[in-house]
Amino acid sequence: MNNKYLKATLAIVLVAALFSSCKPKNSGDVVSGDAAQKAYVAPGKYDEFYNFVSGGFSGQVSVYGLPSGRLLRVIPVFSADPQSGYGYSEETKLMLNTSHGFVPWDDQHHTELSQTNGEVDGRWLFANANNTPRIARVDLKTFKTAEIIELPNSAGNHSSPFITQNTEYVVAGTRFSVPPDNVSGDVPINTYKKNFKGYLSFVKVGKEGQMDIAFQIAAPGVNFDLSHAGKGKSHGWFFFSCYNTEQANTLLEVNASQKDKDFIMAVNWKKAEEYVKAGKGKKVATKYVHNTWDEKNANRKI
């Protein structure tokens, strides 16, 4: 009996020790609720930050408050939204028109806030559409999509919508190299190295936010993945990461990864801007659709 009592006592002690050792270190805040209190924002009070989240295949942008984590709003951008009527009303149907017709969905990958001197200024939010290459501008006074512009000479819109430090330009690189839009007829894929180019679009942003394509740069036929503008001493430069420098067009999983390294391309956009102003660029006929919320100027086709 004494041995059984001793074993039972030891078992209780061991179990108590086990529960004690499983308790997380520095868990006082979590257990007492202090962590939740620090993130709590009372009704009627504002969060300190807004987090603009890409919606992916929803085609929209979500807005979360921080630190509360509350979903504050879903902004309809590239896809029809039955709840708000976006893409259904006569005014907003025009926002989803493209040169390929009415496209009421997309794959929204990246967002970028407008900047002044390299600092976020809270005027506008820019969003990219990866399927039908488009860039949207959301007015942060109203949290509504004010404008959508389609990108010509592009197939995919991934290295986008990244901006220069004073929002002079919103920049986008085609994800996949393509033959230019003004070529009539089919272009054989086996002429990839000769006829396919990677186009970089520089979209000018006006004082009121209005977008317009200023110029495009035809680069070697590689795929552009991500990009970023230089700031401070490197202001005037734009940097693009790329892949498929092999310029493969078949079995890409194998043939587009033969080399150990790809490249980063640096573009001096200020110098390109000078050339364009001096008339050294080449004008090429193309078409794209530019949609604005302004009913008088909606669905401007260029």
Protein backbone atom coordinates (compact mmCIF):
# COMPACT_ATOMS: atom_id res chain seq x y z
CA MET A 1 0.00 0.00 0.00
CA ASN A 2 2.83 2.35 0.84
CA ASN A 3 4.52 1.67 -2.50
CA LYS A 4 1.26 2.32 -4.40
CA TYR A 5 0.72 5.54 -2.50
CA LEU A 6 4.28 6.60 -3.26
CA LYS A 7 3.86 5.83 -6.97
CA ALA A 8 0.60 7.77 -7.14
CA THR A 9 2.23 10.75 -5.43
CA LEU A 10 5.19 10.66 -7.86
CA ALA A 11 2.79 10.46 -10.82
CA ILE A 12 0.91 13.54 -9.62
CA VAL A 13 4.19 15.44 -9.14
CA LEU A 14 5.41 14.44 -12.62
CA VAL A 15 2.14 15.49 -14.27
CA ALA A 16 2.25 18.83 -12.45
CA ALA A 17 5.86 19.32 -13.59
CA LEU A 18 4.88 18.48 -17.17
CA PHE A 19 2.06 21.05 -17.23
CA SER A 20 4.39 23.64 -15.75
CA SER A 21 7.09 23.00 -18.38
CA CYS A 22 4.57 23.25 -21.26
CA LYS A 23 3.59 26.81 -20.35
CA PRO A 24 5.10 29.21 -22.94
CA LYS A 25 7.79 31.54 -21.74
CA ASN A 26 6.73 35.16 -21.40
CA SER A 27 3.12 34.13 -21.89
CA GLY A 28 1.76 36.55 -19.33
CA ASP A 29 0.52 39.03 -21.95
CA VAL A 30 -1.28 36.35 -23.96
CA VAL A 31 -2.86 34.64 -20.97
CA SER A 32 -3.90 37.88 -19.30
CA GLY A 33 -5.29 39.38 -22.51
CA ASP A 34 -2.85 42.29 -22.72
CA ALA A 35 -1.93 41.43 -26.34
CA ALA A 36 -5.55 41.58 -27.44
CA GLN A 37 -6.04 44.87 -25.60
CA LYS A 38 -3.05 46.38 -27.41
CA ALA A 39 -4.57 45.48 -30.80
CA TYR A 40 -8.10 46.54 -29.83
CA VAL A 41 -9.55 49.59 -31.55
CA ALA A 42 -12.88 50.70 -30.12
CA PRO A 43 -15.88 51.34 -32.41
CA GLY A 44 -15.70 54.85 -33.83
CA LYS A 45 -11.94 55.02 -33.40
CA TYR A 46 -9.41 54.85 -36.22
CA ASP A 47 -6.60 52.37 -36.78
CA GLU A 48 -3.12 53.81 -36.99
CA PHE A 49 -2.41 52.21 -40.39
CA TYR A 50 -4.23 50.92 -43.47
CA ASN A 51 -2.99 47.72 -45.09
CA PHE A 52 -3.92 47.45 -48.79
CA VAL A 53 -3.94 43.79 -49.77
CA SER A 54 -3.87 42.39 -53.29
CA GLY A 55 -6.93 40.29 -54.03
CA GLY A 56 -5.39 37.83 -56.50
CA PHE A 57 -8.05 36.12 -58.60
CA SER A 58 -10.80 38.13 -56.92
CA GLY A 59 -9.51 41.08 -58.95
CA GLN A 60 -10.18 43.43 -56.03
CA VAL A 61 -8.20 45.19 -53.27
CA SER A 62 -8.95 44.62 -49.58
CA VAL A 63 -8.27 47.22 -46.89
CA TYR A 64 -7.41 46.11 -43.36
CA GLY A 65 -6.89 48.29 -40.33
CA LEU A 66 -3.80 47.87 -38.19
CA PRO A 67 -3.36 47.04 -35.38
CA SER A 68 -6.98 45.86 -35.13
CA GLY A 69 -6.84 43.54 -38.17
CA ARG A 70 -10.39 44.58 -39.09
CA LEU A 71 -11.48 44.28 -42.72
CA LEU A 72 -12.56 47.83 -43.42
CA ARG A 73 -13.45 47.63 -47.08
CA VAL A 74 -13.16 45.62 -50.28
CA ILE A 75 -12.56 48.00 -53.19
CA PRO A 76 -13.92 46.72 -56.53
CA VAL A 77 -11.25 47.25 -59.19
CA PHE A 78 -10.88 44.69 -62.00
CA SER A 79 -13.82 42.38 -61.36
CA ALA A 80 -17.56 42.86 -61.29
CA ASP A 81 -18.91 43.10 -57.73
CA PRO A 82 -22.62 42.26 -57.20
CA GLN A 83 -22.69 43.68 -53.68
CA SER A 84 -21.79 47.21 -54.77
CA GLY A 85 -23.10 46.99 -58.34
CA TYR A 86 -19.62 47.69 -59.74
CA GLY A 87 -19.45 46.34 -63.28
CA TYR A 88 -23.25 46.08 -63.44
CA SER A 89 -24.40 49.70 -63.43
CA GLU A 90 -24.27 51.62 -66.70
CA GLU A 91 -21.59 53.94 -65.29
CA THR A 92 -19.26 51.23 -64.00
CA LYS A 93 -19.63 48.72 -66.85
CA LEU A 94 -17.37 51.02 -68.86
CA MET A 95 -14.58 50.59 -66.30
CA LEU A 96 -14.12 46.95 -67.31
CA ASN A 97 -13.94 47.47 -71.07
CA THR A 98 -10.71 46.53 -72.86
CA SER A 99 -9.54 46.36 -76.47
CA HIS A 100 -10.53 42.68 -76.23
CA GLY A 101 -14.08 43.54 -75.14
CA PHE A 102 -15.74 43.47 -71.72
CA VAL A 103 -13.44 41.64 -69.26
CA PRO A 104 -15.14 41.57 -65.82
CA TRP A 105 -12.42 39.68 -63.91
CA ASP A 106 -8.66 39.64 -63.44
CA ASP A 107 -5.71 38.53 -61.32
CA GLN A 108 -4.66 41.46 -59.14
CA HIS A 109 -1.09 40.98 -57.87
CA HIS A 110 0.51 44.16 -56.55
CA THR A 111 -0.40 47.53 -55.09
CA GLU A 112 1.64 50.72 -54.73
CA LEU A 113 0.85 53.96 -52.90
CA SER A 114 1.63 57.34 -54.42
CA GLN A 115 4.76 59.05 -53.10
CA THR A 116 6.26 62.49 -52.63
CA ASN A 117 10.04 62.65 -52.20
CA GLY A 118 10.04 58.88 -51.74
CA GLU A 119 7.53 58.97 -48.87
CA VAL A 120 3.97 57.62 -49.03
CA ASP A 121 1.57 60.58 -49.33
CA GLY A 122 -1.83 58.85 -49.21
CA ARG A 123 -3.32 60.41 -52.37
CA TRP A 124 -3.78 57.36 -54.59
CA LEU A 125 -3.33 53.63 -54.70
CA PHE A 126 -2.24 51.93 -57.92
CA ALA A 127 -3.07 48.29 -58.65
CA ASN A 128 -2.01 45.95 -61.46
CA ALA A 129 -4.01 43.38 -63.40
CA ASN A 130 -1.89 40.42 -64.40
CA ASN A 131 -4.16 38.72 -66.92
CA THR A 132 -5.44 41.45 -69.23
CA PRO A 133 -2.60 43.94 -68.71
CA ARG A 134 -4.10 46.92 -66.92
CA ILE A 135 -3.27 49.46 -64.22
CA ALA A 136 -5.89 51.02 -61.99
CA ARG A 137 -5.80 54.15 -59.84
CA VAL A 138 -7.87 54.20 -56.65
CA ASP A 139 -8.70 57.62 -55.21
CA LEU A 140 -8.00 57.43 -51.46
CA LYS A 141 -10.38 60.31 -50.76
CA THR A 142 -13.27 58.10 -51.80
CA PHE A 143 -11.73 54.59 -51.78
CA LYS A 144 -13.16 54.06 -55.27
CA THR A 145 -11.49 53.06 -58.51
CA ALA A 146 -11.16 56.29 -60.47
CA GLU A 147 -9.37 55.09 -63.57
CA ILE A 148 -8.14 51.99 -65.43
CA ILE A 149 -5.69 52.03 -68.31
CA GLU A 150 -4.84 49.07 -70.54
CA LEU A 151 -1.22 48.40 -71.54
CA PRO A 152 -0.44 47.67 -75.20
CA ASN A 153 2.38 45.37 -76.32
CA SER A 154 2.09 43.34 -73.14
CA ALA A 155 1.31 39.79 -72.09
CA GLY A 156 0.92 39.68 -68.33
CA ASN A 157 1.58 42.62 -66.05
CA HIS A 158 3.65 41.47 -63.10
CA SER A 159 6.50 43.96 -62.60
CA SER A 160 3.88 46.60 -61.91
CA PRO A 161 2.56 49.09 -60.75
CA PHE A 162 5.80 50.43 -59.25
CA ILE A 163 6.38 54.17 -59.17
CA THR A 164 9.09 56.80 -59.19
CA GLN A 165 9.77 58.76 -56.01
CA ASN A 166 7.48 61.68 -56.88
CA THR A 167 4.87 59.60 -58.71
CA GLU A 168 6.07 60.97 -62.04
CA TYR A 169 5.49 57.56 -63.60
CA VAL A 170 3.79 54.28 -62.86
CA VAL A 171 5.95 51.63 -64.52
CA ALA A 172 5.07 48.15 -65.78
CA GLY A 173 7.08 45.47 -67.56
CA THR A 174 5.39 42.77 -69.61
CA ARG A 175 5.72 39.44 -67.85
CA PHE A 176 6.11 37.56 -71.12
CA SER A 177 7.81 38.85 -74.24
CA VAL A 178 5.55 39.33 -77.24
CA PRO A 179 5.60 40.49 -80.84
CA PRO A 180 4.41 44.12 -81.13
CA ASP A 181 0.67 44.70 -81.36
CA ASN A 182 0.88 46.40 -84.75
CA VAL A 183 2.12 43.24 -86.50
CA SER A 184 -0.69 41.73 -88.54
CA GLY A 185 -1.19 37.99 -88.67
CA ASP A 186 0.36 35.25 -86.59
CA VAL A 187 4.02 35.36 -85.60
CA PRO A 188 5.57 31.85 -85.42
CA ILE A 189 6.77 30.97 -81.94
CA ASN A 190 9.98 29.54 -83.40
CA THR A 191 10.96 33.10 -84.40
CA TYR A 192 10.93 34.10 -80.73
CA LYS A 193 14.51 35.39 -80.56
CA LYS A 194 14.01 37.55 -83.62
CA ASN A 195 10.47 38.86 -83.29
CA PHE A 196 9.55 38.85 -79.59
CA LYS A 197 10.40 41.78 -77.29
CA GLY A 198 9.95 42.67 -73.63
CA TYR A 199 8.11 45.99 -73.43
CA LEU A 200 8.40 48.41 -70.51
CA SER A 201 5.53 50.86 -70.13
CA PHE A 202 6.03 54.27 -68.51
CA VAL A 203 2.63 55.69 -67.57
CA LYS A 204 2.64 59.40 -66.79
CA VAL A 205 0.67 60.52 -63.73
CA GLY A 206 -0.81 64.03 -63.82
CA LYS A 207 -1.27 66.44 -60.92
CA GLU A 208 -4.80 65.16 -60.34
CA GLY A 209 -3.71 61.57 -60.80
CA GLN A 210 -4.78 61.10 -64.43
CA MET A 211 -2.77 58.39 -66.16
CA ASP A 212 -1.56 58.30 -69.75
CA ILE A 213 1.05 56.15 -71.48
CA ALA A 214 4.05 58.43 -72.07
CA PHE A 215 6.37 55.96 -73.79
CA GLN A 216 7.38 52.32 -74.00
CA ILE A 217 10.84 50.79 -74.22
CA ALA A 218 11.41 47.70 -76.35
CA ALA A 219 13.88 45.51 -74.45
CA PRO A 220 15.40 42.11 -75.28
CA GLY A 221 12.91 39.24 -75.40
CA VAL A 222 13.07 38.09 -71.78
CA ASN A 223 10.38 37.86 -69.10
CA PHE A 224 10.22 40.64 -66.51
CA ASP A 225 9.21 39.59 -63.02
CA LEU A 226 9.51 42.46 -60.52
CA SER A 227 10.80 46.02 -60.53
CA HIS A 228 11.51 49.00 -58.31
CA ALA A 229 12.41 52.64 -58.76
CA GLY A 230 15.62 54.12 -57.46
CA LYS A 231 15.36 56.80 -54.78
CA GLY A 232 17.64 59.54 -53.54
CA LYS A 233 20.97 59.27 -55.36
CA SER A 234 19.59 56.59 -57.68
CA HIS A 235 16.47 58.61 -58.58
CA GLY A 236 16.12 58.50 -62.36
CA TRP A 237 16.83 54.79 -62.56
CA PHE A 238 14.44 51.86 -62.64
CA PHE A 239 15.46 48.26 -61.93
CA PHE A 240 13.84 45.10 -63.30
CA SER A 241 14.45 41.46 -62.40
CA CYS A 242 13.98 38.97 -65.22
CA TYR A 243 14.08 35.33 -66.20
CA ASN A 244 14.24 33.25 -69.39
CA THR A 245 17.36 34.98 -70.62
CA GLU A 246 17.73 31.75 -72.61
CA GLN A 247 14.82 33.08 -74.70
CA ALA A 248 13.32 29.61 -74.76
CA ASN A 249 9.87 29.05 -76.22
CA THR A 250 9.28 25.33 -75.56
CA LEU A 251 9.39 23.22 -72.36
CA LEU A 252 9.94 26.37 -70.31
CA GLU A 253 10.27 24.54 -66.99
CA VAL A 254 13.50 23.02 -68.36
CA ASN A 255 14.69 25.26 -71.17
CA ALA A 256 14.09 28.58 -69.40
CA SER A 257 16.29 27.56 -66.46
CA GLN A 258 19.45 26.35 -68.17
CA LYS A 259 21.63 29.20 -66.92
CA ASP A 260 22.72 29.54 -63.31
CA LYS A 261 21.81 33.23 -63.23
CA ASP A 262 19.50 35.68 -64.94
CA PHE A 263 19.96 39.44 -64.87
CA ILE A 264 18.79 42.68 -63.33
CA MET A 265 18.17 45.36 -65.95
CA ALA A 266 18.76 49.00 -65.03
CA VAL A 267 16.91 51.63 -67.07
CA ASN A 268 17.77 55.33 -67.00
CA TRP A 269 14.22 56.62 -67.46
CA LYS A 270 15.26 60.27 -67.27
CA LYS A 271 17.51 59.76 -70.28
CA ALA A 272 14.69 57.94 -72.08
CA GLU A 273 12.40 60.86 -71.26
CA GLU A 274 14.94 63.25 -72.83
CA TYR A 275 15.07 61.19 -76.01
CA VAL A 276 11.29 61.14 -76.28
CA LYS A 277 11.05 64.93 -75.84
CA ALA A 278 13.76 65.38 -78.48
CA GLY A 279 11.72 63.32 -80.94
CA LYS A 280 14.20 60.45 -80.98
CA GLY A 281 11.57 57.87 -80.18
CA LYS A 282 9.57 55.93 -82.75
CA LYS A 283 5.80 56.37 -83.01
CA VAL A 284 3.97 53.08 -83.42
CA ALA A 285 0.26 52.68 -84.07
CA THR A 286 -1.48 50.62 -81.42
CA LYS A 287 -4.73 50.59 -79.50
CA TYR A 288 -5.75 50.31 -75.90
CA VAL A 289 -8.68 51.36 -73.75
CA HIS A 290 -8.54 54.06 -71.08
CA ASN A 291 -11.50 54.09 -68.69
CA THR A 292 -12.32 56.82 -66.18
CA TRP A 293 -15.06 57.24 -63.63
CA ASP A 294 -15.92 60.66 -65.08
CA GLU A 295 -19.06 59.95 -67.10
CA LYS A 296 -18.30 62.74 -69.61
CA ASN A 297 -14.94 61.17 -70.42
CA ALA A 298 -15.66 57.53 -69.69
CA ASN A 299 -14.30 54.79 -71.93
CA ARG A 300 -11.86 56.97 -73.82
CA LYS A 301 -10.39 54.81 -76.58
CA ILE A 302 -6.98 55.64 -78.00
